Amino acid sequence: MRKKRRYIAFESMRKASVPDVLQTINFLRASRPKVEQSMLKLVLYDENSRLGLLRCGHKQVDEIKASMSSARENHAKMVSFRVLGVSGTIRAAKRKFLALR
């Protein structure tokens, strides 16, 4: 049976490059052992609008949202996030959370 996916729409609090966002996500992945490593993936990120989508498993949404909200900029490469919402498909996440901004 296929695993259920959820897409978390987020906004970075400062302008950051894709490698900076990936580094922060990898740090969050390492700091939360309950998160299934294979399901966590950066789907898209736009540097100009600072908006992005992160894929995770449906049972991990609360854990990921908590870790994204608690991430602080400890050094120059860390990015803090604001969670905009969660959706079951990429299309709906783009329509609901990313299109209006």
PDB file of N, CA and C in Angstrom:
ATOM      1  N   MET A   1       0.836  -1.185   0.000  1.00  0.00           N
ATOM      2  CA  MET A   1       0.000   0.000   0.000  1.00  0.00           C
ATOM      3  C   MET A   1       0.885   1.254   0.000  1.00  0.00           C
ATOM      4  N   ARG A   2       0.487   2.218  -0.777  1.00  0.00           N
ATOM      5  CA  ARG A   2       1.262   3.446  -0.900  1.00  0.00           C
ATOM      6  C   ARG A   2       1.105   4.317   0.337  1.00  0.00           C
ATOM      7  N   LYS A   3       2.164   4.997   0.716  1.00  0.00           N
ATOM      8  CA  LYS A   3       2.128   5.869   1.889  1.00  0.00           C
ATOM      9  C   LYS A   3       1.403   7.172   1.547  1.00  0.00           C
ATOM     10  N   LYS A   4       0.653   7.672   2.516  1.00  0.00           N
ATOM     11  CA  LYS A   4      -0.087   8.922   2.314  1.00  0.00           C
ATOM     12  C   LYS A   4       0.849  10.104   2.519  1.00  0.00           C
ATOM     13  N   ARG A   5       0.736  11.061   1.639  1.00  0.00           N
ATOM     14  CA  ARG A   5       1.616  12.231   1.678  1.00  0.00           C
ATOM     15  C   ARG A   5       0.822  13.476   2.018  1.00  0.00           C
ATOM     16  N   ARG A   6       1.494  14.410   2.647  1.00  0.00           N
ATOM     17  CA  ARG A   6       0.936  15.732   2.894  1.00  0.00           C
ATOM     18  C   ARG A   6       1.971  16.758   2.456  1.00  0.00           C
ATOM     19  N   TYR A   7       1.476  17.908   2.048  1.00  0.00           N
ATOM     20  CA  TYR A   7       2.336  18.981   1.565  1.00  0.00           C
ATOM     21  C   TYR A   7       2.159  20.195   2.470  1.00  0.00           C
ATOM     22  N   ILE A   8       3.252  20.635   3.068  1.00  0.00           N
ATOM     23  CA  ILE A   8       3.231  21.764   3.984  1.00  0.00           C
ATOM     24  C   ILE A   8       3.721  22.993   3.233  1.00  0.00           C
ATOM     25  N   ALA A   9       2.862  23.989   3.120  1.00  0.00           N
ATOM     26  CA  ALA A   9       3.239  25.254   2.491  1.00  0.00           C
ATOM     27  C   ALA A   9       3.885  26.127   3.561  1.00  0.00           C
ATOM     28  N   PHE A  10       5.004  26.756   3.213  1.00  0.00           N
ATOM     29  CA  PHE A  10       5.720  27.578   4.183  1.00  0.00           C
ATOM     30  C   PHE A  10       6.265  28.838   3.531  1.00  0.00           C
ATOM     31  N   GLU A  11       6.614  29.766   4.382  1.00  0.00           N
ATOM     32  CA  GLU A  11       7.256  31.011   3.964  1.00  0.00           C
ATOM     33  C   GLU A  11       8.509  31.177   4.798  1.00  0.00           C
ATOM     34  N   SER A  12       9.630  31.443   4.155  1.00  0.00           N
ATOM     35  CA  SER A  12      10.854  31.701   4.913  1.00  0.00           C
ATOM     36  C   SER A  12      10.812  33.145   5.399  1.00  0.00           C
ATOM     37  N   MET A  13      11.349  33.370   6.571  1.00  0.00           N
ATOM     38  CA  MET A  13      11.256  34.688   7.186  1.00  0.00           C
ATOM     39  C   MET A  13      12.255  35.689   6.600  1.00  0.00           C
ATOM     40  N   ARG A  14      13.243  35.191   5.900  1.00  0.00           N
ATOM     41  CA  ARG A  14      14.184  36.076   5.207  1.00  0.00           C
ATOM     42  C   ARG A  14      14.476  35.489   3.840  1.00  0.00           C
ATOM     43  N   LYS A  15      15.001  36.291   2.956  1.00  0.00           N
ATOM     44  CA  LYS A  15      15.351  35.797   1.631  1.00  0.00           C
ATOM     45  C   LYS A  15      16.515  34.824   1.771  1.00  0.00           C
ATOM     46  N   ALA A  16      16.325  33.616   1.256  1.00  0.00           N
ATOM     47  CA  ALA A  16      17.339  32.573   1.381  1.00  0.00           C
ATOM     48  C   ALA A  16      17.431  31.794   0.083  1.00  0.00           C
ATOM     49  N   SER A  17      18.582  31.215  -0.141  1.00  0.00           N
ATOM     50  CA  SER A  17      18.772  30.394  -1.341  1.00  0.00           C
ATOM     51  C   SER A  17      18.275  28.977  -1.076  1.00  0.00           C
ATOM     52  N   VAL A  18      18.136  28.220  -2.147  1.00  0.00           N
ATOM     53  CA  VAL A  18      17.669  26.835  -2.035  1.00  0.00           C
ATOM     54  C   VAL A  18      18.624  25.997  -1.179  1.00  0.00           C
ATOM     55  N   PRO A  19      19.947  26.109  -1.331  1.00  0.00           N
ATOM     56  CA  PRO A  19      20.833  25.326  -0.457  1.00  0.00           C
ATOM     57  C   PRO A  19      20.674  25.667   1.029  1.00  0.00           C
ATOM     58  N   ASP A  20      20.402  26.935   1.349  1.00  0.00           N
ATOM     59  CA  ASP A  20      20.180  27.313   2.748  1.00  0.00           C
ATOM     60  C   ASP A  20      18.916  26.655   3.298  1.00  0.00           C
ATOM     61  N   VAL A  21      17.862  26.630   2.495  1.00  0.00           N
ATOM     62  CA  VAL A  21      16.607  25.996   2.918  1.00  0.00           C
ATOM     63  C   VAL A  21      16.812  24.497   3.081  1.00  0.00           C
ATOM     64  N   LEU A  22      17.518  23.874   2.145  1.00  0.00           N
ATOM     65  CA  LEU A  22      17.794  22.441   2.243  1.00  0.00           C
ATOM     66  C   LEU A  22      18.631  22.117   3.475  1.00  0.00           C
ATOM     67  N   GLN A  23      19.595  22.967   3.779  1.00  0.00           N
ATOM     68  CA  GLN A  23      20.432  22.741   4.958  1.00  0.00           C
ATOM     69  C   GLN A  23      19.593  22.820   6.233  1.00  0.00           C
ATOM     70  N   THR A  24      18.680  23.758   6.301  1.00  0.00           N
ATOM     71  CA  THR A  24      17.808  23.875   7.463  1.00  0.00           C
ATOM     72  C   THR A  24      16.885  22.667   7.576  1.00  0.00           C
ATOM     73  N   ILE A  25      16.341  22.205   6.464  1.00  0.00           N
ATOM     74  CA  ILE A  25      15.468  21.030   6.480  1.00  0.00           C
ATOM     75  C   ILE A  25      16.250  19.790   6.911  1.00  0.00           C
ATOM     76  N   ASN A  26      17.488  19.661   6.448  1.00  0.00           N
ATOM     77  CA  ASN A  26      18.315  18.532   6.875  1.00  0.00           C
ATOM     78  C   ASN A  26      18.625  18.607   8.368  1.00  0.00           C
ATOM     79  N   PHE A  27      18.806  19.809   8.888  1.00  0.00           N
ATOM     80  CA  PHE A  27      19.017  19.974  10.324  1.00  0.00           C
ATOM     81  C   PHE A  27      17.761  19.561  11.096  1.00  0.00           C
ATOM     82  N   LEU A  28      16.596  19.959  10.607  1.00  0.00           N
ATOM     83  CA  LEU A  28      15.343  19.560  11.248  1.00  0.00           C
ATOM     84  C   LEU A  28      15.158  18.053  11.192  1.00  0.00           C
ATOM     85  N   ARG A  29      15.523  17.455  10.083  1.00  0.00           N
ATOM     86  CA  ARG A  29      15.425  16.008   9.913  1.00  0.00           C
ATOM     87  C   ARG A  29      16.317  15.286  10.928  1.00  0.00           C
ATOM     88  N   ALA A  30      17.504  15.793  11.132  1.00  0.00           N
ATOM     89  CA  ALA A  30      18.435  15.147  12.061  1.00  0.00           C
ATOM     90  C   ALA A  30      18.026  15.358  13.521  1.00  0.00           C
ATOM     91  N   SER A  31      17.387  16.482  13.803  1.00  0.00           N
ATOM     92  CA  SER A  31      17.033  16.780  15.197  1.00  0.00           C
ATOM     93  C   SER A  31      15.760  16.078  15.652  1.00  0.00           C
ATOM     94  N   ARG A  32      14.969  15.567  14.736  1.00  0.00           N
ATOM     95  CA  ARG A  32      13.717  14.876  15.072  1.00  0.00           C
ATOM     96  C   ARG A  32      13.811  13.419  14.638  1.00  0.00           C
ATOM     97  N   PRO A  33      14.126  12.499  15.552  1.00  0.00           N
ATOM     98  CA  PRO A  33      14.294  11.097  15.153  1.00  0.00           C
ATOM     99  C   PRO A  33      12.992  10.396  14.748  1.00  0.00           C
ATOM    100  N   LYS A  34      11.836  10.938  15.146  1.00  0.00           N
ATOM    101  CA  LYS A  34      10.565  10.302  14.798  1.00  0.00           C
ATOM    102  C   LYS A  34      10.172  10.519  13.341  1.00  0.00           C
ATOM    103  N   VAL A  35      10.780  11.464  12.694  1.00  0.00           N
ATOM    104  CA  VAL A  35      10.433  11.804  11.312  1.00  0.00           C
ATOM    105  C   VAL A  35      11.007  10.756  10.364  1.00  0.00           C
ATOM    106  N   GLU A  36      10.151  10.222   9.502  1.00  0.00           N
ATOM    107  CA  GLU A  36      10.604   9.244   8.510  1.00  0.00           C
ATOM    108  C   GLU A  36      11.425   9.979   7.453  1.00  0.00           C
ATOM    109  N   GLN A  37      12.666   9.584   7.332  1.00  0.00           N
ATOM    110  CA  GLN A  37      13.624  10.303   6.506  1.00  0.00           C
ATOM    111  C   GLN A  37      13.269  10.285   5.025  1.00  0.00           C
ATOM    112  N   SER A  38      12.736   9.187   4.546  1.00  0.00           N
ATOM    113  CA  SER A  38      12.496   9.065   3.114  1.00  0.00           C
ATOM    114  C   SER A  38      11.309   9.903   2.633  1.00  0.00           C
ATOM    115  N   MET A  39      10.393  10.235   3.509  1.00  0.00           N
ATOM    116  CA  MET A  39       9.201  10.990   3.106  1.00  0.00           C
ATOM    117  C   MET A  39       9.435  12.494   3.074  1.00  0.00           C
ATOM    118  N   LEU A  40      10.414  12.988   3.798  1.00  0.00           N
ATOM    119  CA  LEU A  40      10.645  14.428   3.893  1.00  0.00           C
ATOM    120  C   LEU A  40      11.429  14.918   2.677  1.00  0.00           C
ATOM    121  N   LYS A  41      10.800  15.812   1.903  1.00  0.00           N
ATOM    122  CA  LYS A  41      11.428  16.285   0.674  1.00  0.00           C
ATOM    123  C   LYS A  41      10.957  17.703   0.361  1.00  0.00           C
ATOM    124  N   LEU A  42      11.884  18.537  -0.077  1.00  0.00           N
ATOM    125  CA  LEU A  42      11.539  19.869  -0.541  1.00  0.00           C
ATOM    126  C   LEU A  42      11.023  19.749  -1.962  1.00  0.00           C
ATOM    127  N   VAL A  43       9.743  20.077  -2.163  1.00  0.00           N
ATOM    128  CA  VAL A  43       9.120  19.933  -3.478  1.00  0.00           C
ATOM    129  C   VAL A  43       9.431  21.140  -4.337  1.00  0.00           C
ATOM    130  N   LEU A  44       9.221  22.321  -3.793  1.00  0.00           N
ATOM    131  CA  LEU A  44       9.546  23.537  -4.528  1.00  0.00           C
ATOM    132  C   LEU A  44       9.838  24.665  -3.559  1.00  0.00           C
ATOM    133  N   TYR A  45      10.642  25.605  -4.040  1.00  0.00           N
ATOM    134  CA  TYR A  45      10.955  26.807  -3.269  1.00  0.00           C
ATOM    135  C   TYR A  45      11.297  27.919  -4.249  1.00  0.00           C
ATOM    136  N   ASP A  46      10.655  29.066  -4.073  1.00  0.00           N
ATOM    137  CA  ASP A  46      10.909  30.226  -4.917  1.00  0.00           C
ATOM    138  C   ASP A  46      11.654  31.258  -4.084  1.00  0.00           C
ATOM    139  N   GLU A  47      12.859  31.593  -4.504  1.00  0.00           N
ATOM    140  CA  GLU A  47      13.694  32.522  -3.736  1.00  0.00           C
ATOM    141  C   GLU A  47      13.133  33.941  -3.722  1.00  0.00           C
ATOM    142  N   ASN A  48      12.455  34.343  -4.791  1.00  0.00           N
ATOM    143  CA  ASN A  48      11.941  35.710  -4.865  1.00  0.00           C
ATOM    144  C   ASN A  48      10.750  35.925  -3.931  1.00  0.00           C
ATOM    145  N   SER A  49       9.811  34.994  -3.949  1.00  0.00           N
ATOM    146  CA  SER A  49       8.627  35.147  -3.101  1.00  0.00           C
ATOM    147  C   SER A  49       8.827  34.548  -1.713  1.00  0.00           C
ATOM    148  N   ARG A  50       9.897  33.761  -1.522  1.00  0.00           N
ATOM    149  CA  ARG A  50      10.233  33.103  -0.257  1.00  0.00           C
ATOM    150  C   ARG A  50       9.187  32.058   0.144  1.00  0.00           C
ATOM    151  N   LEU A  51       8.462  31.503  -0.812  1.00  0.00           N
ATOM    152  CA  LEU A  51       7.429  30.504  -0.547  1.00  0.00           C
ATOM    153  C   LEU A  51       7.891  29.135  -1.033  1.00  0.00           C
ATOM    154  N   GLY A  52       7.433  28.087  -0.335  1.00  0.00           N
ATOM    155  CA  GLY A  52       7.830  26.751  -0.734  1.00  0.00           C
ATOM    156  C   GLY A  52       6.867  25.681  -0.257  1.00  0.00           C
ATOM    157  N   LEU A  53       7.103  24.456  -0.729  1.00  0.00           N
ATOM    158  CA  LEU A  53       6.318  23.284  -0.347  1.00  0.00           C
ATOM    159  C   LEU A  53       7.267  22.193   0.128  1.00  0.00           C
ATOM    160  N   LEU A  54       6.870  21.559   1.213  1.00  0.00           N
ATOM    161  CA  LEU A  54       7.638  20.459   1.792  1.00  0.00           C
ATOM    162  C   LEU A  54       6.734  19.241   1.880  1.00  0.00           C
ATOM    163  N   ARG A  55       7.197  18.093   1.370  1.00  0.00           N
ATOM    164  CA  ARG A  55       6.412  16.864   1.417  1.00  0.00           C
ATOM    165  C   ARG A  55       6.799  16.054   2.654  1.00  0.00           C
ATOM    166  N   CYS A  56       5.792  15.480   3.311  1.00  0.00           N
ATOM    167  CA  CYS A  56       6.048  14.602   4.453  1.00  0.00           C
ATOM    168  C   CYS A  56       4.936  13.554   4.525  1.00  0.00           C
ATOM    169  N   GLY A  57       5.056  12.619   5.440  1.00  0.00           N
ATOM    170  CA  GLY A  57       4.036  11.611   5.643  1.00  0.00           C
ATOM    171  C   GLY A  57       2.863  12.176   6.427  1.00  0.00           C
ATOM    172  N   HIS A  58       1.685  11.579   6.281  1.00  0.00           N
ATOM    173  CA  HIS A  58       0.490  12.129   6.920  1.00  0.00           C
ATOM    174  C   HIS A  58       0.534  12.021   8.439  1.00  0.00           C
ATOM    175  N   LYS A  59       1.294  11.094   8.972  1.00  0.00           N
ATOM    176  CA  LYS A  59       1.405  10.965  10.428  1.00  0.00           C
ATOM    177  C   LYS A  59       2.463  11.893  11.020  1.00  0.00           C
ATOM    178  N   GLN A  60       3.242  12.522  10.184  1.00  0.00           N
ATOM    179  CA  GLN A  60       4.344  13.362  10.641  1.00  0.00           C
ATOM    180  C   GLN A  60       4.065  14.854  10.572  1.00  0.00           C
ATOM    181  N   VAL A  61       2.894  15.232  10.149  1.00  0.00           N
ATOM    182  CA  VAL A  61       2.591  16.640   9.902  1.00  0.00           C
ATOM    183  C   VAL A  61       2.788  17.482  11.157  1.00  0.00           C
ATOM    184  N   ASP A  62       2.242  17.041  12.269  1.00  0.00           N
ATOM    185  CA  ASP A  62       2.350  17.828  13.498  1.00  0.00           C
ATOM    186  C   ASP A  62       3.799  17.968  13.953  1.00  0.00           C
ATOM    187  N   GLU A  63       4.561  16.899  13.843  1.00  0.00           N
ATOM    188  CA  GLU A  63       5.974  16.918  14.239  1.00  0.00           C
ATOM    189  C   GLU A  63       6.772  17.883  13.359  1.00  0.00           C
ATOM    190  N   ILE A  64       6.531  17.842  12.065  1.00  0.00           N
ATOM    191  CA  ILE A  64       7.247  18.713  11.128  1.00  0.00           C
ATOM    192  C   ILE A  64       6.853  20.169  11.338  1.00  0.00           C
ATOM    193  N   LYS A  65       5.555  20.429  11.494  1.00  0.00           N
ATOM    194  CA  LYS A  65       5.107  21.807  11.717  1.00  0.00           C
ATOM    195  C   LYS A  65       5.718  22.373  12.994  1.00  0.00           C
ATOM    196  N   ALA A  66       5.784  21.584  14.036  1.00  0.00           N
ATOM    197  CA  ALA A  66       6.366  22.052  15.291  1.00  0.00           C
ATOM    198  C   ALA A  66       7.857  22.348  15.135  1.00  0.00           C
ATOM    199  N   SER A  67       8.560  21.485  14.425  1.00  0.00           N
ATOM    200  CA  SER A  67       9.990  21.716  14.256  1.00  0.00           C
ATOM    201  C   SER A  67      10.262  22.892  13.321  1.00  0.00           C
ATOM    202  N   MET A  68       9.411  23.095  12.311  1.00  0.00           N
ATOM    203  CA  MET A  68       9.594  24.240  11.417  1.00  0.00           C
ATOM    204  C   MET A  68       9.314  25.550  12.137  1.00  0.00           C
ATOM    205  N   SER A  69       8.316  25.564  12.979  1.00  0.00           N
ATOM    206  CA  SER A  69       7.980  26.786  13.708  1.00  0.00           C
ATOM    207  C   SER A  69       9.010  27.119  14.763  1.00  0.00           C
ATOM    208  N   SER A  70       9.655  26.085  15.315  1.00  0.00           N
ATOM    209  CA  SER A  70      10.624  26.330  16.385  1.00  0.00           C
ATOM    210  C   SER A  70      12.034  26.570  15.868  1.00  0.00           C
ATOM    211  N   ALA A  71      12.265  26.382  14.574  1.00  0.00           N
ATOM    212  CA  ALA A  71      13.603  26.595  14.007  1.00  0.00           C
ATOM    213  C   ALA A  71      13.938  28.081  14.071  1.00  0.00           C
ATOM    214  N   ARG A  72      15.074  28.363  14.606  1.00  0.00           N
ATOM    215  CA  ARG A  72      15.534  29.751  14.705  1.00  0.00           C
ATOM    216  C   ARG A  72      16.854  29.893  13.956  1.00  0.00           C
ATOM    217  N   GLU A  73      17.170  31.082  13.603  1.00  0.00           N
ATOM    218  CA  GLU A  73      18.396  31.351  12.858  1.00  0.00           C
ATOM    219  C   GLU A  73      19.565  31.397  13.832  1.00  0.00           C
ATOM    220  N   ASN A  74      20.176  30.220  14.064  1.00  0.00           N
ATOM    221  CA  ASN A  74      21.295  30.138  14.989  1.00  0.00           C
ATOM    222  C   ASN A  74      22.588  30.626  14.362  1.00  0.00           C
ATOM    223  N   HIS A  75      22.744  30.430  13.095  1.00  0.00           N
ATOM    224  CA  HIS A  75      23.908  30.944  12.391  1.00  0.00           C
ATOM    225  C   HIS A  75      23.475  31.417  11.012  1.00  0.00           C
ATOM    226  N   ALA A  76      24.381  31.880  10.228  1.00  0.00           N
ATOM    227  CA  ALA A  76      24.050  32.570   8.980  1.00  0.00           C
ATOM    228  C   ALA A  76      23.290  31.694   7.975  1.00  0.00           C
ATOM    229  N   LYS A  77      23.478  30.389   8.014  1.00  0.00           N
ATOM    230  CA  LYS A  77      22.861  29.524   7.013  1.00  0.00           C
ATOM    231  C   LYS A  77      21.485  29.004   7.426  1.00  0.00           C
ATOM    232  N   MET A  78      21.087  29.133   8.677  1.00  0.00           N
ATOM    233  CA  MET A  78      19.790  28.642   9.134  1.00  0.00           C
ATOM    234  C   MET A  78      18.683  29.608   8.722  1.00  0.00           C
ATOM    235  N   VAL A  79      17.547  29.057   8.387  1.00  0.00           N
ATOM    236  CA  VAL A  79      16.394  29.850   7.951  1.00  0.00           C
ATOM    237  C   VAL A  79      15.224  29.509   8.874  1.00  0.00           C
ATOM    238  N   SER A  80      14.502  30.513   9.327  1.00  0.00           N
ATOM    239  CA  SER A  80      13.296  30.237  10.105  1.00  0.00           C
ATOM    240  C   SER A  80      12.084  30.305   9.176  1.00  0.00           C
ATOM    241  N   PHE A  81      11.065  29.500   9.492  1.00  0.00           N
ATOM    242  CA  PHE A  81       9.910  29.343   8.624  1.00  0.00           C
ATOM    243  C   PHE A  81       8.627  29.736   9.338  1.00  0.00           C
ATOM    244  N   ARG A  82       7.647  30.115   8.531  1.00  0.00           N
ATOM    245  CA  ARG A  82       6.280  30.293   9.003  1.00  0.00           C
ATOM    246  C   ARG A  82       5.407  29.352   8.179  1.00  0.00           C
ATOM    247  N   VAL A  83       4.701  28.458   8.864  1.00  0.00           N
ATOM    248  CA  VAL A  83       3.855  27.475   8.186  1.00  0.00           C
ATOM    249  C   VAL A  83       2.562  28.158   7.750  1.00  0.00           C
ATOM    250  N   LEU A  84       2.233  28.038   6.459  1.00  0.00           N
ATOM    251  CA  LEU A  84       1.025  28.644   5.913  1.00  0.00           C
ATOM    252  C   LEU A  84      -0.159  27.689   5.946  1.00  0.00           C
ATOM    253  N   GLY A  85       0.099  26.393   5.770  1.00  0.00           N
ATOM    254  CA  GLY A  85      -0.982  25.420   5.794  1.00  0.00           C
ATOM    255  C   GLY A  85      -0.538  24.066   5.281  1.00  0.00           C
ATOM    256  N   VAL A  86      -1.456  23.113   5.356  1.00  0.00           N
ATOM    257  CA  VAL A  86      -1.185  21.734   4.951  1.00  0.00           C
ATOM    258  C   VAL A  86      -2.255  21.298   3.962  1.00  0.00           C
ATOM    259  N   SER A  87      -1.830  20.542   2.955  1.00  0.00           N
ATOM    260  CA  SER A  87      -2.763  20.042   1.954  1.00  0.00           C
ATOM    261  C   SER A  87      -2.391  18.618   1.570  1.00  0.00           C
ATOM    262  N   GLY A  88      -3.317  17.931   0.922  1.00  0.00           N
ATOM    263  CA  GLY A  88      -3.092  16.562   0.504  1.00  0.00           C
ATOM    264  C   GLY A  88      -2.510  16.422  -0.883  1.00  0.00           C
ATOM    265  N   THR A  89      -2.590  17.491  -1.690  1.00  0.00           N
ATOM    266  CA  THR A  89      -2.032  17.443  -3.045  1.00  0.00           C
ATOM    267  C   THR A  89      -1.236  18.708  -3.320  1.00  0.00           C
ATOM    268  N   ILE A  90      -0.329  18.608  -4.266  1.00  0.00           N
ATOM    269  CA  ILE A  90       0.479  19.771  -4.643  1.00  0.00           C
ATOM    270  C   ILE A  90      -0.408  20.840  -5.271  1.00  0.00           C
ATOM    271  N   ARG A  91      -1.334  20.421  -6.115  1.00  0.00           N
ATOM    272  CA  ARG A  91      -2.219  21.367  -6.800  1.00  0.00           C
ATOM    273  C   ARG A  91      -3.025  22.195  -5.798  1.00  0.00           C
ATOM    274  N   ALA A  92      -3.617  21.541  -4.823  1.00  0.00           N
ATOM    275  CA  ALA A  92      -4.424  22.254  -3.829  1.00  0.00           C
ATOM    276  C   ALA A  92      -3.557  23.157  -2.956  1.00  0.00           C
ATOM    277  N   ALA A  93      -2.365  22.712  -2.626  1.00  0.00           N
ATOM    278  CA  ALA A  93      -1.469  23.540  -1.811  1.00  0.00           C
ATOM    279  C   ALA A  93      -1.071  24.807  -2.565  1.00  0.00           C
ATOM    280  N   LYS A  94      -0.786  24.678  -3.839  1.00  0.00           N
ATOM    281  CA  LYS A  94      -0.447  25.851  -4.652  1.00  0.00           C
ATOM    282  C   LYS A  94      -1.632  26.798  -4.747  1.00  0.00           C
ATOM    283  N   ARG A  95      -2.823  26.228  -4.970  1.00  0.00           N
ATOM    284  CA  ARG A  95      -4.012  27.058  -5.130  1.00  0.00           C
ATOM    285  C   ARG A  95      -4.380  27.764  -3.831  1.00  0.00           C
ATOM    286  N   LYS A  96      -4.341  27.062  -2.722  1.00  0.00           N
ATOM    287  CA  LYS A  96      -4.778  27.631  -1.445  1.00  0.00           C
ATOM    288  C   LYS A  96      -3.776  28.580  -0.825  1.00  0.00           C
ATOM    289  N   PHE A  97      -2.505  28.208  -0.841  1.00  0.00           N
ATOM    290  CA  PHE A  97      -1.527  28.916  -0.029  1.00  0.00           C
ATOM    291  C   PHE A  97      -0.487  29.711  -0.796  1.00  0.00           C
ATOM    292  N   LEU A  98      -0.168  29.307  -2.004  1.00  0.00           N
ATOM    293  CA  LEU A  98       0.938  29.955  -2.716  1.00  0.00           C
ATOM    294  C   LEU A  98       0.485  30.908  -3.805  1.00  0.00           C
ATOM    295  N   ALA A  99      -0.700  30.747  -4.344  1.00  0.00           N
ATOM    296  CA  ALA A  99      -1.146  31.562  -5.476  1.00  0.00           C
ATOM    297  C   ALA A  99      -1.500  32.984  -5.080  1.00  0.00           C
ATOM    298  N   LEU A 100      -2.006  33.184  -3.887  1.00  0.00           N
ATOM    299  CA  LEU A 100      -2.493  34.479  -3.478  1.00  0.00           C
ATOM    300  C   LEU A 100      -1.381  35.437  -3.080  1.00  0.00           C
ATOM    301  N   ARG A 101      -0.213  34.937  -2.881  1.00  0.00           N
ATOM    302  CA  ARG A 101       0.877  35.770  -2.354  1.00  0.00           C
ATOM    303  C   ARG A 101       1.753  36.291  -3.445  1.00  0.00           C
TER     304      ARG A 101
END
